[in-house]
Amino acid sequence: MSELTDSLVEYPCEFPLKIFGLQQAGFAQAVLEVVNKHDPGYVASSMEMRTSKNARYVSLTCTVRATSREQLDALYQDLCDHPLIVMVL
């Protein structure tokens, strides 16, 4: 890659995000609202949920339709800024 702006991702594409938070009411809905803001065509039923061994944490996998790096950066930032979300990968 010759420039920092070069990307290994070709857009548009399906891009999985793993979002972690404490097990609590409203977590999945909060994540869905943020994801839908950046990917209005996202289908809620495609969200995959797993709880931790002790059921304290939950992880959600959302595979979004990424159309640009700017869209992914904005989505990632909004998810990271949300008070219910602990981590995004």
C-alpha atoms as a PDB file:
ATOM      1  CA  MET A   1       0.000   0.000   0.000  1.00  0.00           C
ATOM      2  CA  SER A   2       1.410   3.308  -0.987  1.00  0.00           C
ATOM      3  CA  GLU A   3      -0.906   5.550   0.982  1.00  0.00           C
ATOM      4  CA  LEU A   4      -2.558   5.421   4.386  1.00  0.00           C
ATOM      5  CA  THR A   5      -5.914   5.825   2.670  1.00  0.00           C
ATOM      6  CA  ASP A   6      -5.567   2.492   0.849  1.00  0.00           C
ATOM      7  CA  SER A   7      -8.007  -0.066   2.179  1.00  0.00           C
ATOM      8  CA  LEU A   8      -8.032  -3.842   2.314  1.00  0.00           C
ATOM      9  CA  VAL A   9     -11.828  -3.699   2.178  1.00  0.00           C
ATOM     10  CA  GLU A  10     -13.692  -3.332  -1.104  1.00  0.00           C
ATOM     11  CA  TYR A  11     -16.990  -1.457  -0.808  1.00  0.00           C
ATOM     12  CA  PRO A  12     -19.824  -2.218  -0.777  1.00  0.00           C
ATOM     13  CA  CYS A  13     -19.487  -5.353   1.352  1.00  0.00           C
ATOM     14  CA  GLU A  14     -20.956  -7.257   4.268  1.00  0.00           C
ATOM     15  CA  PHE A  15     -18.982  -6.273   7.382  1.00  0.00           C
ATOM     16  CA  PRO A  16     -19.399  -8.038  10.753  1.00  0.00           C
ATOM     17  CA  LEU A  17     -19.163  -6.048  13.988  1.00  0.00           C
ATOM     18  CA  LYS A  18     -19.034  -7.640  17.416  1.00  0.00           C
ATOM     19  CA  ILE A  19     -20.509  -5.417  20.129  1.00  0.00           C
ATOM     20  CA  PHE A  20     -20.114  -6.167  23.848  1.00  0.00           C
ATOM     21  CA  GLY A  21     -22.030  -4.856  26.837  1.00  0.00           C
ATOM     22  CA  LEU A  22     -23.399  -5.778  30.236  1.00  0.00           C
ATOM     23  CA  GLN A  23     -26.430  -8.045  30.238  1.00  0.00           C
ATOM     24  CA  GLN A  24     -29.281  -5.565  30.782  1.00  0.00           C
ATOM     25  CA  ALA A  25     -32.685  -4.702  29.445  1.00  0.00           C
ATOM     26  CA  GLY A  26     -32.570  -2.507  26.371  1.00  0.00           C
ATOM     27  CA  PHE A  27     -29.013  -3.345  25.296  1.00  0.00           C
ATOM     28  CA  ALA A  28     -29.919  -5.094  22.040  1.00  0.00           C
ATOM     29  CA  GLN A  29     -32.480  -2.403  21.184  1.00  0.00           C
ATOM     30  CA  ALA A  30     -29.922   0.355  21.799  1.00  0.00           C
ATOM     31  CA  VAL A  31     -27.409  -1.370  19.510  1.00  0.00           C
ATOM     32  CA  LEU A  32     -30.084  -1.885  16.859  1.00  0.00           C
ATOM     33  CA  GLU A  33     -30.971   1.824  16.891  1.00  0.00           C
ATOM     34  CA  VAL A  34     -27.349   2.846  16.326  1.00  0.00           C
ATOM     35  CA  VAL A  35     -26.822   0.251  13.591  1.00  0.00           C
ATOM     36  CA  ASN A  36     -30.053   1.244  11.805  1.00  0.00           C
ATOM     37  CA  LYS A  37     -28.942   4.886  11.812  1.00  0.00           C
ATOM     38  CA  HIS A  38     -25.943   3.942   9.647  1.00  0.00           C
ATOM     39  CA  ASP A  39     -27.429   0.984   7.767  1.00  0.00           C
ATOM     40  CA  PRO A  40     -31.176   1.602   7.355  1.00  0.00           C
ATOM     41  CA  GLY A  41     -31.595  -1.733   5.571  1.00  0.00           C
ATOM     42  CA  TYR A  42     -30.212  -3.740   8.490  1.00  0.00           C
ATOM     43  CA  VAL A  43     -32.512  -6.626   9.447  1.00  0.00           C
ATOM     44  CA  ALA A  44     -32.849  -7.002  13.224  1.00  0.00           C
ATOM     45  CA  SER A  45     -33.448 -10.738  12.989  1.00  0.00           C
ATOM     46  CA  SER A  46     -29.924 -11.197  11.594  1.00  0.00           C
ATOM     47  CA  MET A  47     -28.403 -10.022  14.897  1.00  0.00           C
ATOM     48  CA  GLU A  48     -26.614 -12.872  16.681  1.00  0.00           C
ATOM     49  CA  MET A  49     -26.542 -12.826  20.495  1.00  0.00           C
ATOM     50  CA  ARG A  50     -24.324 -14.746  22.908  1.00  0.00           C
ATOM     51  CA  THR A  51     -24.088 -14.432  26.656  1.00  0.00           C
ATOM     52  CA  SER A  52     -20.940 -14.901  28.684  1.00  0.00           C
ATOM     53  CA  LYS A  53     -20.380 -17.986  30.829  1.00  0.00           C
ATOM     54  CA  ASN A  54     -21.686 -16.234  33.951  1.00  0.00           C
ATOM     55  CA  ALA A  55     -24.381 -14.321  31.998  1.00  0.00           C
ATOM     56  CA  ARG A  56     -22.930 -10.981  33.080  1.00  0.00           C
ATOM     57  CA  TYR A  57     -22.037  -9.840  29.562  1.00  0.00           C
ATOM     58  CA  VAL A  58     -23.633 -10.203  26.161  1.00  0.00           C
ATOM     59  CA  SER A  59     -22.094  -9.985  22.711  1.00  0.00           C
ATOM     60  CA  LEU A  60     -24.023  -9.071  19.610  1.00  0.00           C
ATOM     61  CA  THR A  61     -22.771  -9.736  16.110  1.00  0.00           C
ATOM     62  CA  CYS A  62     -24.234  -7.393  13.525  1.00  0.00           C
ATOM     63  CA  THR A  63     -23.240  -7.843   9.900  1.00  0.00           C
ATOM     64  CA  VAL A  64     -23.885  -4.500   8.226  1.00  0.00           C
ATOM     65  CA  ARG A  65     -23.872  -3.477   4.583  1.00  0.00           C
ATOM     66  CA  ALA A  66     -20.788  -1.251   4.455  1.00  0.00           C
ATOM     67  CA  THR A  67     -20.787   1.255   1.628  1.00  0.00           C
ATOM     68  CA  SER A  68     -17.700   3.291   2.594  1.00  0.00           C
ATOM     69  CA  ARG A  69     -14.963   3.652   5.154  1.00  0.00           C
ATOM     70  CA  GLU A  70     -16.604   6.866   6.336  1.00  0.00           C
ATOM     71  CA  GLN A  71     -19.839   4.990   7.065  1.00  0.00           C
ATOM     72  CA  LEU A  72     -17.980   2.311   9.057  1.00  0.00           C
ATOM     73  CA  ASP A  73     -15.941   4.896  10.967  1.00  0.00           C
ATOM     74  CA  ALA A  74     -19.092   6.832  11.929  1.00  0.00           C
ATOM     75  CA  LEU A  75     -20.911   3.639  12.962  1.00  0.00           C
ATOM     76  CA  TYR A  76     -17.955   2.454  15.030  1.00  0.00           C
ATOM     77  CA  GLN A  77     -17.658   5.856  16.727  1.00  0.00           C
ATOM     78  CA  ASP A  78     -21.382   6.011  17.581  1.00  0.00           C
ATOM     79  CA  LEU A  79     -21.242   2.490  19.009  1.00  0.00           C
ATOM     80  CA  CYS A  80     -18.130   3.261  21.085  1.00  0.00           C
ATOM     81  CA  ASP A  81     -19.713   6.471  22.405  1.00  0.00           C
ATOM     82  CA  HIS A  82     -22.894   4.722  23.582  1.00  0.00           C
ATOM     83  CA  PRO A  83     -23.024   4.363  27.395  1.00  0.00           C
ATOM     84  CA  LEU A  84     -24.347   0.768  27.329  1.00  0.00           C
ATOM     85  CA  ILE A  85     -21.589  -0.509  25.044  1.00  0.00           C
ATOM     86  CA  VAL A  86     -18.346  -1.710  26.596  1.00  0.00           C
ATOM     87  CA  MET A  87     -16.368  -2.655  23.478  1.00  0.00           C
ATOM     88  CA  VAL A  88     -16.688  -2.950  19.693  1.00  0.00           C
ATOM     89  CA  LEU A  89     -14.563  -5.203  17.477  1.00  0.00           C
END
